[in-house]
């Protein structure tokens, strides 16, 4: 290995290159050089709030250099194709979308999953004094008019709408949705439902302690950012306990964020849905004590 570095070093000197990879004499130096290319250093060593746009289309908000360093690997490993608004299939129009909404809504409300979920919300959340919800933020729903996961997005949307109906007694002031794959047709239909579409990272800036956060299967780093901004009153999304067990040692900052949230929350698993798999790896969390 050392011989290869020496050869590269000689080639760099012949080219007059004194800063090339050949000048790196250890494997550690080489890896650090690659890390600097993939994740450039930050000018302020202790930033209070950073915005980093990853290759998956999400703009991430990182609070503090500690969290930034602990989450670099999560952003570097996100080598997905940048998310763009999904393409609307030819012939699909708003009227067809309205009909699909009714169809998927009927299938969802006729399911045992919906009935069980409704029972859970009435039993554990509606009458709980410590659970106060004034707004909803939905992250990562996905396009329901295009793309490869449109059916999952439909079921998540009708599930969200039904949950908002059940939690109606809380009189939510706003319902915000954010996803880089929303196209104009998605946005138009969601507008008809009375919802507001936000661009990244605006939704994270609106997180409060009285938020209902709906984010099944959302990228872990985004979930952590949302919970850092504020601990929501209700959260339906990824099973945080499983992540801590499987990946907790990879990012201590994320582990601490999740554990703090879990310590102040109760939860149950999302009931099984026999029409689709979107419910998998999802739990319903709610606050145990009143917000102070």
C-alpha atoms as a PDB file:
ATOM      1  CA  UNK A   1       0.000   0.000   0.000  1.00  0.00           C
ATOM      2  CA  UNK A   2       2.799   2.427   0.894  1.00  0.00           C
ATOM      3  CA  UNK A   3       4.438   1.759  -2.493  1.00  0.00           C
ATOM      4  CA  UNK A   4       1.295   2.794  -4.304  1.00  0.00           C
ATOM      5  CA  UNK A   5       1.163   6.090  -2.436  1.00  0.00           C
ATOM      6  CA  UNK A   6       4.814   6.770  -3.231  1.00  0.00           C
ATOM      7  CA  UNK A   7       4.139   6.118  -6.925  1.00  0.00           C
ATOM      8  CA  UNK A   8       1.228   8.551  -6.895  1.00  0.00           C
ATOM      9  CA  UNK A   9       3.382  11.084  -5.090  1.00  0.00           C
ATOM     10  CA  UNK A  10       6.046  10.881  -7.795  1.00  0.00           C
ATOM     11  CA  UNK A  11       3.458  11.299 -10.539  1.00  0.00           C
ATOM     12  CA  UNK A  12       2.081  14.384  -8.790  1.00  0.00           C
ATOM     13  CA  UNK A  13       5.556  15.880  -8.545  1.00  0.00           C
ATOM     14  CA  UNK A  14       6.100  15.318 -12.281  1.00  0.00           C
ATOM     15  CA  UNK A  15       2.902  17.226 -12.965  1.00  0.00           C
ATOM     16  CA  UNK A  16       3.874  19.947 -10.515  1.00  0.00           C
ATOM     17  CA  UNK A  17       0.924  18.977  -8.363  1.00  0.00           C
ATOM     18  CA  UNK A  18       1.782  19.442  -4.692  1.00  0.00           C
ATOM     19  CA  UNK A  19      -1.802  19.007  -3.424  1.00  0.00           C
ATOM     20  CA  UNK A  20      -2.965  15.922  -5.305  1.00  0.00           C
ATOM     21  CA  UNK A  21      -4.007  12.599  -3.803  1.00  0.00           C
ATOM     22  CA  UNK A  22      -0.424  11.368  -4.310  1.00  0.00           C
ATOM     23  CA  UNK A  23       0.721  13.692  -1.535  1.00  0.00           C
ATOM     24  CA  UNK A  24      -1.370  11.686   0.920  1.00  0.00           C
ATOM     25  CA  UNK A  25       0.853   9.204   2.701  1.00  0.00           C
ATOM     26  CA  UNK A  26      -1.685   7.263   4.759  1.00  0.00           C
ATOM     27  CA  UNK A  27      -5.023   5.638   4.108  1.00  0.00           C
ATOM     28  CA  UNK A  28      -6.525   7.866   6.770  1.00  0.00           C
ATOM     29  CA  UNK A  29      -5.362  10.952   4.860  1.00  0.00           C
ATOM     30  CA  UNK A  30      -6.990   9.643   1.708  1.00  0.00           C
ATOM     31  CA  UNK A  31     -10.303   8.917   3.430  1.00  0.00           C
ATOM     32  CA  UNK A  32     -10.309  12.348   5.038  1.00  0.00           C
ATOM     33  CA  UNK A  33      -9.699  13.930   1.652  1.00  0.00           C
ATOM     34  CA  UNK A  34     -12.674  12.112   0.183  1.00  0.00           C
ATOM     35  CA  UNK A  35     -14.789  13.139   3.180  1.00  0.00           C
ATOM     36  CA  UNK A  36     -13.937  16.779   2.549  1.00  0.00           C
ATOM     37  CA  UNK A  37     -15.051  16.458  -1.064  1.00  0.00           C
ATOM     38  CA  UNK A  38     -18.336  14.769  -0.148  1.00  0.00           C
ATOM     39  CA  UNK A  39     -19.062  17.031   2.822  1.00  0.00           C
ATOM     40  CA  UNK A  40     -17.189  20.375   2.640  1.00  0.00           C
ATOM     41  CA  UNK A  41     -16.116  21.899   5.948  1.00  0.00           C
ATOM     42  CA  UNK A  42     -18.275  24.572   7.543  1.00  0.00           C
ATOM     43  CA  UNK A  43     -16.789  28.018   8.015  1.00  0.00           C
ATOM     44  CA  UNK A  44     -18.387  28.534  11.412  1.00  0.00           C
ATOM     45  CA  UNK A  45     -17.152  25.775  13.758  1.00  0.00           C
ATOM     46  CA  UNK A  46     -20.119  26.227  16.086  1.00  0.00           C
ATOM     47  CA  UNK A  47     -23.175  27.145  13.995  1.00  0.00           C
ATOM     48  CA  UNK A  48     -26.486  27.438  15.818  1.00  0.00           C
ATOM     49  CA  UNK A  49     -28.535  26.318  12.833  1.00  0.00           C
ATOM     50  CA  UNK A  50     -27.383  24.843   9.526  1.00  0.00           C
ATOM     51  CA  UNK A  51     -29.200  24.004   6.305  1.00  0.00           C
ATOM     52  CA  UNK A  52     -27.773  21.180   4.189  1.00  0.00           C
ATOM     53  CA  UNK A  53     -29.380  20.031   0.951  1.00  0.00           C
ATOM     54  CA  UNK A  54     -28.788  16.304   0.512  1.00  0.00           C
ATOM     55  CA  UNK A  55     -28.875  14.406  -2.737  1.00  0.00           C
ATOM     56  CA  UNK A  56     -32.323  13.011  -1.960  1.00  0.00           C
ATOM     57  CA  UNK A  57     -34.016  16.371  -2.427  1.00  0.00           C
ATOM     58  CA  UNK A  58     -34.563  17.206   1.249  1.00  0.00           C
ATOM     59  CA  UNK A  59     -33.079  20.313   2.826  1.00  0.00           C
ATOM     60  CA  UNK A  60     -31.944  19.292   6.313  1.00  0.00           C
ATOM     61  CA  UNK A  61     -31.799  21.618   9.321  1.00  0.00           C
ATOM     62  CA  UNK A  62     -29.007  20.724  11.749  1.00  0.00           C
ATOM     63  CA  UNK A  63     -28.753  22.516  15.071  1.00  0.00           C
ATOM     64  CA  UNK A  64     -25.172  22.757  16.304  1.00  0.00           C
ATOM     65  CA  UNK A  65     -21.852  21.444  15.022  1.00  0.00           C
ATOM     66  CA  UNK A  66     -22.098  18.342  17.238  1.00  0.00           C
ATOM     67  CA  UNK A  67     -25.244  17.171  15.503  1.00  0.00           C
ATOM     68  CA  UNK A  68     -23.790  18.071  12.132  1.00  0.00           C
ATOM     69  CA  UNK A  69     -20.718  15.912  12.696  1.00  0.00           C
ATOM     70  CA  UNK A  70     -22.726  13.030  14.116  1.00  0.00           C
ATOM     71  CA  UNK A  71     -25.072  13.044  11.136  1.00  0.00           C
ATOM     72  CA  UNK A  72     -22.586  13.552   8.309  1.00  0.00           C
ATOM     73  CA  UNK A  73     -22.650   9.840   7.540  1.00  0.00           C
ATOM     74  CA  UNK A  74     -26.441   9.871   7.204  1.00  0.00           C
ATOM     75  CA  UNK A  75     -26.277  12.614   4.579  1.00  0.00           C
ATOM     76  CA  UNK A  76     -23.260  11.190   2.760  1.00  0.00           C
ATOM     77  CA  UNK A  77     -24.922   7.779   2.566  1.00  0.00           C
ATOM     78  CA  UNK A  78     -28.042   9.317   1.049  1.00  0.00           C
ATOM     79  CA  UNK A  79     -26.912   8.761  -2.537  1.00  0.00           C
ATOM     80  CA  UNK A  80     -30.412   8.573  -3.922  1.00  0.00           C
ATOM     81  CA  UNK A  81     -31.428  10.291  -7.118  1.00  0.00           C
ATOM     82  CA  UNK A  82     -32.482  13.855  -6.216  1.00  0.00           C
ATOM     83  CA  UNK A  83     -36.232  13.915  -5.626  1.00  0.00           C
ATOM     84  CA  UNK A  84     -38.181  16.014  -8.087  1.00  0.00           C
ATOM     85  CA  UNK A  85     -41.916  16.585  -8.581  1.00  0.00           C
ATOM     86  CA  UNK A  86     -43.357  13.368  -9.970  1.00  0.00           C
ATOM     87  CA  UNK A  87     -44.561  13.204 -13.540  1.00  0.00           C
ATOM     88  CA  UNK A  88     -48.340  13.173 -13.956  1.00  0.00           C
ATOM     89  CA  UNK A  89     -49.443  10.222 -16.131  1.00  0.00           C
ATOM     90  CA  UNK A  90     -51.016  11.208 -19.426  1.00  0.00           C
ATOM     91  CA  UNK A  91     -54.776  11.562 -19.134  1.00  0.00           C
ATOM     92  CA  UNK A  92     -54.870  11.901 -15.350  1.00  0.00           C
ATOM     93  CA  UNK A  93     -56.846  14.962 -14.300  1.00  0.00           C
ATOM     94  CA  UNK A  94     -58.361  16.513 -11.199  1.00  0.00           C
ATOM     95  CA  UNK A  95     -61.719  14.810 -11.665  1.00  0.00           C
ATOM     96  CA  UNK A  96     -60.066  11.388 -11.773  1.00  0.00           C
ATOM     97  CA  UNK A  97     -58.085  12.234  -8.651  1.00  0.00           C
ATOM     98  CA  UNK A  98     -61.299  13.167  -6.845  1.00  0.00           C
ATOM     99  CA  UNK A  99     -62.818   9.802  -7.753  1.00  0.00           C
ATOM    100  CA  UNK A 100     -59.732   7.919  -6.580  1.00  0.00           C
ATOM    101  CA  UNK A 101     -59.853   9.791  -3.300  1.00  0.00           C
ATOM    102  CA  UNK A 102     -63.409   8.581  -2.731  1.00  0.00           C
ATOM    103  CA  UNK A 103     -62.490   5.014  -3.693  1.00  0.00           C
ATOM    104  CA  UNK A 104     -59.485   4.760  -1.404  1.00  0.00           C
ATOM    105  CA  UNK A 105     -61.375   6.520   1.351  1.00  0.00           C
ATOM    106  CA  UNK A 106     -64.135   3.882   1.236  1.00  0.00           C
ATOM    107  CA  UNK A 107     -61.607   1.039   1.265  1.00  0.00           C
ATOM    108  CA  UNK A 108     -59.781   2.581   4.233  1.00  0.00           C
ATOM    109  CA  UNK A 109     -62.862   3.310   6.341  1.00  0.00           C
ATOM    110  CA  UNK A 110     -64.209  -0.162   5.673  1.00  0.00           C
ATOM    111  CA  UNK A 111     -61.070  -1.788   7.061  1.00  0.00           C
ATOM    112  CA  UNK A 112     -60.440  -3.269  10.493  1.00  0.00           C
ATOM    113  CA  UNK A 113     -57.288  -1.144  10.660  1.00  0.00           C
ATOM    114  CA  UNK A 114     -59.332   2.046  10.573  1.00  0.00           C
ATOM    115  CA  UNK A 115     -61.770   0.768  13.195  1.00  0.00           C
ATOM    116  CA  UNK A 116     -58.925  -0.245  15.517  1.00  0.00           C
ATOM    117  CA  UNK A 117     -57.089   3.027  14.972  1.00  0.00           C
ATOM    118  CA  UNK A 118     -60.232   5.005  15.712  1.00  0.00           C
ATOM    119  CA  UNK A 119     -60.684   3.063  18.948  1.00  0.00           C
ATOM    120  CA  UNK A 120     -57.075   3.770  19.978  1.00  0.00           C
ATOM    121  CA  UNK A 121     -57.406   7.501  19.315  1.00  0.00           C
ATOM    122  CA  UNK A 122     -60.653   7.737  21.283  1.00  0.00           C
ATOM    123  CA  UNK A 123     -59.295   5.680  24.170  1.00  0.00           C
ATOM    124  CA  UNK A 124     -55.841   7.204  24.562  1.00  0.00           C
ATOM    125  CA  UNK A 125     -55.756  10.644  22.946  1.00  0.00           C
ATOM    126  CA  UNK A 126     -59.087  12.445  22.724  1.00  0.00           C
ATOM    127  CA  UNK A 127     -59.734  12.709  26.440  1.00  0.00           C
ATOM    128  CA  UNK A 128     -56.103  12.954  27.546  1.00  0.00           C
ATOM    129  CA  UNK A 129     -55.503  16.354  29.128  1.00  0.00           C
ATOM    130  CA  UNK A 130     -51.802  16.268  28.289  1.00  0.00           C
ATOM    131  CA  UNK A 131     -52.494  15.811  24.559  1.00  0.00           C
ATOM    132  CA  UNK A 132     -53.154  19.156  22.938  1.00  0.00           C
ATOM    133  CA  UNK A 133     -53.032  19.531  19.154  1.00  0.00           C
ATOM    134  CA  UNK A 134     -53.320  22.843  17.321  1.00  0.00           C
ATOM    135  CA  UNK A 135     -51.815  21.909  13.941  1.00  0.00           C
ATOM    136  CA  UNK A 136     -50.738  18.993  11.786  1.00  0.00           C
ATOM    137  CA  UNK A 137     -47.507  18.604   9.840  1.00  0.00           C
ATOM    138  CA  UNK A 138     -47.232  15.771   7.324  1.00  0.00           C
ATOM    139  CA  UNK A 139     -43.761  14.980   5.988  1.00  0.00           C
ATOM    140  CA  UNK A 140     -42.834  12.625   3.160  1.00  0.00           C
ATOM    141  CA  UNK A 141     -46.334  11.600   2.068  1.00  0.00           C
ATOM    142  CA  UNK A 142     -45.185  11.133  -1.527  1.00  0.00           C
ATOM    143  CA  UNK A 143     -47.047  11.875  -4.721  1.00  0.00           C
ATOM    144  CA  UNK A 144     -50.386  10.105  -5.067  1.00  0.00           C
ATOM    145  CA  UNK A 145     -50.751  11.064  -8.741  1.00  0.00           C
ATOM    146  CA  UNK A 146     -47.392   9.825 -10.052  1.00  0.00           C
ATOM    147  CA  UNK A 147     -44.251   7.902  -9.207  1.00  0.00           C
ATOM    148  CA  UNK A 148     -43.859   4.297  -8.101  1.00  0.00           C
ATOM    149  CA  UNK A 149     -45.397   4.550  -4.608  1.00  0.00           C
ATOM    150  CA  UNK A 150     -48.608   6.376  -5.473  1.00  0.00           C
ATOM    151  CA  UNK A 151     -50.859   3.677  -3.969  1.00  0.00           C
ATOM    152  CA  UNK A 152     -49.092   3.837  -0.601  1.00  0.00           C
ATOM    153  CA  UNK A 153     -49.412   7.613  -0.728  1.00  0.00           C
ATOM    154  CA  UNK A 154     -53.154   7.325  -1.338  1.00  0.00           C
ATOM    155  CA  UNK A 155     -53.688   5.083   1.668  1.00  0.00           C
ATOM    156  CA  UNK A 156     -51.550   7.319   3.859  1.00  0.00           C
ATOM    157  CA  UNK A 157     -53.494  10.370   2.694  1.00  0.00           C
ATOM    158  CA  UNK A 158     -56.938   8.928   3.409  1.00  0.00           C
ATOM    159  CA  UNK A 159     -55.641   7.619   6.741  1.00  0.00           C
ATOM    160  CA  UNK A 160     -54.366  11.092   7.611  1.00  0.00           C
ATOM    161  CA  UNK A 161     -57.679  12.697   6.649  1.00  0.00           C
ATOM    162  CA  UNK A 162     -59.596  10.237   8.844  1.00  0.00           C
ATOM    163  CA  UNK A 163     -57.270  10.879  11.798  1.00  0.00           C
ATOM    164  CA  UNK A 164     -57.767  14.611  11.421  1.00  0.00           C
ATOM    165  CA  UNK A 165     -61.526  14.027  11.464  1.00  0.00           C
ATOM    166  CA  UNK A 166     -61.251  12.011  14.676  1.00  0.00           C
ATOM    167  CA  UNK A 167     -59.018  14.642  16.271  1.00  0.00           C
ATOM    168  CA  UNK A 168     -61.388  17.374  15.114  1.00  0.00           C
ATOM    169  CA  UNK A 169     -62.259  18.280  18.693  1.00  0.00           C
ATOM    170  CA  UNK A 170     -58.785  19.791  18.986  1.00  0.00           C
ATOM    171  CA  UNK A 171     -59.749  22.402  16.359  1.00  0.00           C
ATOM    172  CA  UNK A 172     -56.503  22.391  14.422  1.00  0.00           C
ATOM    173  CA  UNK A 173     -55.670  25.734  12.862  1.00  0.00           C
ATOM    174  CA  UNK A 174     -53.417  24.477  10.065  1.00  0.00           C
ATOM    175  CA  UNK A 175     -52.562  21.316   8.167  1.00  0.00           C
ATOM    176  CA  UNK A 176     -49.174  21.514   6.439  1.00  0.00           C
ATOM    177  CA  UNK A 177     -47.703  18.999   3.998  1.00  0.00           C
ATOM    178  CA  UNK A 178     -44.165  18.902   2.637  1.00  0.00           C
ATOM    179  CA  UNK A 179     -42.668  16.556   0.063  1.00  0.00           C
ATOM    180  CA  UNK A 180     -40.267  17.272  -2.837  1.00  0.00           C
ATOM    181  CA  UNK A 181     -42.208  14.875  -5.093  1.00  0.00           C
ATOM    182  CA  UNK A 182     -45.521  16.754  -4.998  1.00  0.00           C
ATOM    183  CA  UNK A 183     -46.504  17.893  -8.494  1.00  0.00           C
ATOM    184  CA  UNK A 184     -49.013  20.562  -9.512  1.00  0.00           C
ATOM    185  CA  UNK A 185     -51.894  18.082  -9.525  1.00  0.00           C
ATOM    186  CA  UNK A 186     -51.057  16.858  -6.007  1.00  0.00           C
ATOM    187  CA  UNK A 187     -50.853  20.447  -4.815  1.00  0.00           C
ATOM    188  CA  UNK A 188     -54.128  21.436  -6.434  1.00  0.00           C
ATOM    189  CA  UNK A 189     -56.050  18.546  -4.911  1.00  0.00           C
ATOM    190  CA  UNK A 190     -54.537  18.992  -1.447  1.00  0.00           C
ATOM    191  CA  UNK A 191     -55.503  22.647  -1.699  1.00  0.00           C
ATOM    192  CA  UNK A 192     -59.108  21.555  -2.276  1.00  0.00           C
ATOM    193  CA  UNK A 193     -58.916  19.665   1.024  1.00  0.00           C
ATOM    194  CA  UNK A 194     -57.870  22.905   2.699  1.00  0.00           C
ATOM    195  CA  UNK A 195     -54.258  21.923   3.266  1.00  0.00           C
ATOM    196  CA  UNK A 196     -51.153  24.062   2.799  1.00  0.00           C
ATOM    197  CA  UNK A 197     -48.124  22.829   0.845  1.00  0.00           C
ATOM    198  CA  UNK A 198     -44.708  23.971   2.078  1.00  0.00           C
ATOM    199  CA  UNK A 199     -41.280  23.845   0.478  1.00  0.00           C
ATOM    200  CA  UNK A 200     -38.378  22.290   2.352  1.00  0.00           C
ATOM    201  CA  UNK A 201     -37.383  23.073   5.039  1.00  0.00           C
ATOM    202  CA  UNK A 202     -40.291  25.362   5.954  1.00  0.00           C
ATOM    203  CA  UNK A 203     -42.335  22.659   7.688  1.00  0.00           C
ATOM    204  CA  UNK A 204     -39.585  22.010  10.229  1.00  0.00           C
ATOM    205  CA  UNK A 205     -39.592  25.692  11.120  1.00  0.00           C
ATOM    206  CA  UNK A 206     -43.276  25.362  12.055  1.00  0.00           C
ATOM    207  CA  UNK A 207     -42.842  22.453  14.483  1.00  0.00           C
ATOM    208  CA  UNK A 208     -44.285  23.155  17.955  1.00  0.00           C
ATOM    209  CA  UNK A 209     -45.094  21.184  21.091  1.00  0.00           C
ATOM    210  CA  UNK A 210     -48.775  21.093  20.021  1.00  0.00           C
ATOM    211  CA  UNK A 211     -48.079  19.570  16.604  1.00  0.00           C
ATOM    212  CA  UNK A 212     -49.483  16.310  15.295  1.00  0.00           C
ATOM    213  CA  UNK A 213     -46.600  14.964  13.201  1.00  0.00           C
ATOM    214  CA  UNK A 214     -47.614  12.413  10.557  1.00  0.00           C
ATOM    215  CA  UNK A 215     -44.587  10.889   8.842  1.00  0.00           C
ATOM    216  CA  UNK A 216     -44.714   7.123   8.158  1.00  0.00           C
ATOM    217  CA  UNK A 217     -41.493   5.761   6.622  1.00  0.00           C
ATOM    218  CA  UNK A 218     -39.831   9.163   6.589  1.00  0.00           C
ATOM    219  CA  UNK A 219     -36.037   9.272   6.316  1.00  0.00           C
ATOM    220  CA  UNK A 220     -34.562   8.924   9.805  1.00  0.00           C
ATOM    221  CA  UNK A 221     -32.440  12.061   9.668  1.00  0.00           C
ATOM    222  CA  UNK A 222     -35.524  14.176   8.858  1.00  0.00           C
ATOM    223  CA  UNK A 223     -37.492  12.638  11.719  1.00  0.00           C
ATOM    224  CA  UNK A 224     -34.637  13.533  14.078  1.00  0.00           C
ATOM    225  CA  UNK A 225     -34.548  17.113  12.794  1.00  0.00           C
ATOM    226  CA  UNK A 226     -38.297  17.476  13.326  1.00  0.00           C
ATOM    227  CA  UNK A 227     -38.132  16.148  16.894  1.00  0.00           C
ATOM    228  CA  UNK A 228     -35.200  18.451  17.641  1.00  0.00           C
ATOM    229  CA  UNK A 229     -37.199  21.483  16.552  1.00  0.00           C
ATOM    230  CA  UNK A 230     -39.984  20.547  18.986  1.00  0.00           C
ATOM    231  CA  UNK A 231     -41.346  17.459  20.702  1.00  0.00           C
ATOM    232  CA  UNK A 232     -44.792  16.979  19.121  1.00  0.00           C
ATOM    233  CA  UNK A 233     -47.895  16.172  21.099  1.00  0.00           C
ATOM    234  CA  UNK A 234     -48.696  13.286  18.739  1.00  0.00           C
ATOM    235  CA  UNK A 235     -46.393  11.491  16.291  1.00  0.00           C
ATOM    236  CA  UNK A 236     -47.324   8.708  13.869  1.00  0.00           C
ATOM    237  CA  UNK A 237     -44.308   7.342  12.054  1.00  0.00           C
ATOM    238  CA  UNK A 238     -41.211   5.160  12.224  1.00  0.00           C
ATOM    239  CA  UNK A 239     -40.654   2.868  15.208  1.00  0.00           C
ATOM    240  CA  UNK A 240     -37.975   4.817  17.050  1.00  0.00           C
ATOM    241  CA  UNK A 241     -37.184   2.023  19.504  1.00  0.00           C
ATOM    242  CA  UNK A 242     -36.110  -0.249  16.656  1.00  0.00           C
ATOM    243  CA  UNK A 243     -33.807   2.402  15.227  1.00  0.00           C
ATOM    244  CA  UNK A 244     -32.079   2.891  18.571  1.00  0.00           C
ATOM    245  CA  UNK A 245     -31.476  -0.852  18.870  1.00  0.00           C
ATOM    246  CA  UNK A 246     -30.226  -1.285  15.308  1.00  0.00           C
ATOM    247  CA  UNK A 247     -28.381   2.002  14.681  1.00  0.00           C
ATOM    248  CA  UNK A 248     -28.084   3.846  17.988  1.00  0.00           C
ATOM    249  CA  UNK A 249     -24.308   3.642  18.123  1.00  0.00           C
ATOM    250  CA  UNK A 250     -23.929   5.137  14.630  1.00  0.00           C
ATOM    251  CA  UNK A 251     -25.225   8.563  15.619  1.00  0.00           C
ATOM    252  CA  UNK A 252     -25.334   9.482  19.295  1.00  0.00           C
ATOM    253  CA  UNK A 253     -27.059  12.797  18.584  1.00  0.00           C
ATOM    254  CA  UNK A 254     -29.954  11.078  16.826  1.00  0.00           C
ATOM    255  CA  UNK A 255     -30.117   8.425  19.544  1.00  0.00           C
ATOM    256  CA  UNK A 256     -30.349  11.094  22.251  1.00  0.00           C
ATOM    257  CA  UNK A 257     -33.074  12.960  20.355  1.00  0.00           C
ATOM    258  CA  UNK A 258     -35.175   9.820  19.933  1.00  0.00           C
ATOM    259  CA  UNK A 259     -34.623   8.642  23.503  1.00  0.00           C
ATOM    260  CA  UNK A 260     -35.675  11.993  24.969  1.00  0.00           C
ATOM    261  CA  UNK A 261     -38.883  11.826  22.967  1.00  0.00           C
ATOM    262  CA  UNK A 262     -39.556   8.215  23.976  1.00  0.00           C
ATOM    263  CA  UNK A 263     -38.983   8.981  27.656  1.00  0.00           C
ATOM    264  CA  UNK A 264     -41.900  11.409  27.622  1.00  0.00           C
ATOM    265  CA  UNK A 265     -44.251   9.431  25.372  1.00  0.00           C
ATOM    266  CA  UNK A 266     -46.531   6.405  25.316  1.00  0.00           C
ATOM    267  CA  UNK A 267     -47.149   4.424  22.150  1.00  0.00           C
ATOM    268  CA  UNK A 268     -48.909   1.534  20.452  1.00  0.00           C
ATOM    269  CA  UNK A 269     -48.186  -0.202  17.173  1.00  0.00           C
ATOM    270  CA  UNK A 270     -50.224   0.773  14.122  1.00  0.00           C
ATOM    271  CA  UNK A 271     -52.988  -1.831  13.603  1.00  0.00           C
ATOM    272  CA  UNK A 272     -52.613  -4.221  10.678  1.00  0.00           C
ATOM    273  CA  UNK A 273     -54.095  -3.156   7.342  1.00  0.00           C
ATOM    274  CA  UNK A 274     -55.039  -5.942   4.940  1.00  0.00           C
ATOM    275  CA  UNK A 275     -55.111  -3.825   1.750  1.00  0.00           C
ATOM    276  CA  UNK A 276     -51.540  -2.504   1.736  1.00  0.00           C
ATOM    277  CA  UNK A 277     -48.255  -2.604   3.650  1.00  0.00           C
ATOM    278  CA  UNK A 278     -47.928   1.114   4.453  1.00  0.00           C
ATOM    279  CA  UNK A 279     -48.751   0.462   8.127  1.00  0.00           C
ATOM    280  CA  UNK A 280     -45.637  -1.674   8.655  1.00  0.00           C
ATOM    281  CA  UNK A 281     -42.872  -0.387  10.984  1.00  0.00           C
ATOM    282  CA  UNK A 282     -45.200   2.375  12.207  1.00  0.00           C
ATOM    283  CA  UNK A 283     -46.260   3.352  15.723  1.00  0.00           C
ATOM    284  CA  UNK A 284     -48.573   5.919  17.258  1.00  0.00           C
ATOM    285  CA  UNK A 285     -46.907   8.072  19.938  1.00  0.00           C
ATOM    286  CA  UNK A 286     -48.478  10.623  22.251  1.00  0.00           C
ATOM    287  CA  UNK A 287     -47.280  12.787  25.130  1.00  0.00           C
ATOM    288  CA  UNK A 288     -47.487  11.385  28.662  1.00  0.00           C
ATOM    289  CA  UNK A 289     -47.342  14.667  30.557  1.00  0.00           C
ATOM    290  CA  UNK A 290     -48.748  18.106  29.921  1.00  0.00           C
ATOM    291  CA  UNK A 291     -46.429  20.485  28.097  1.00  0.00           C
ATOM    292  CA  UNK A 292     -44.838  23.060  30.389  1.00  0.00           C
END
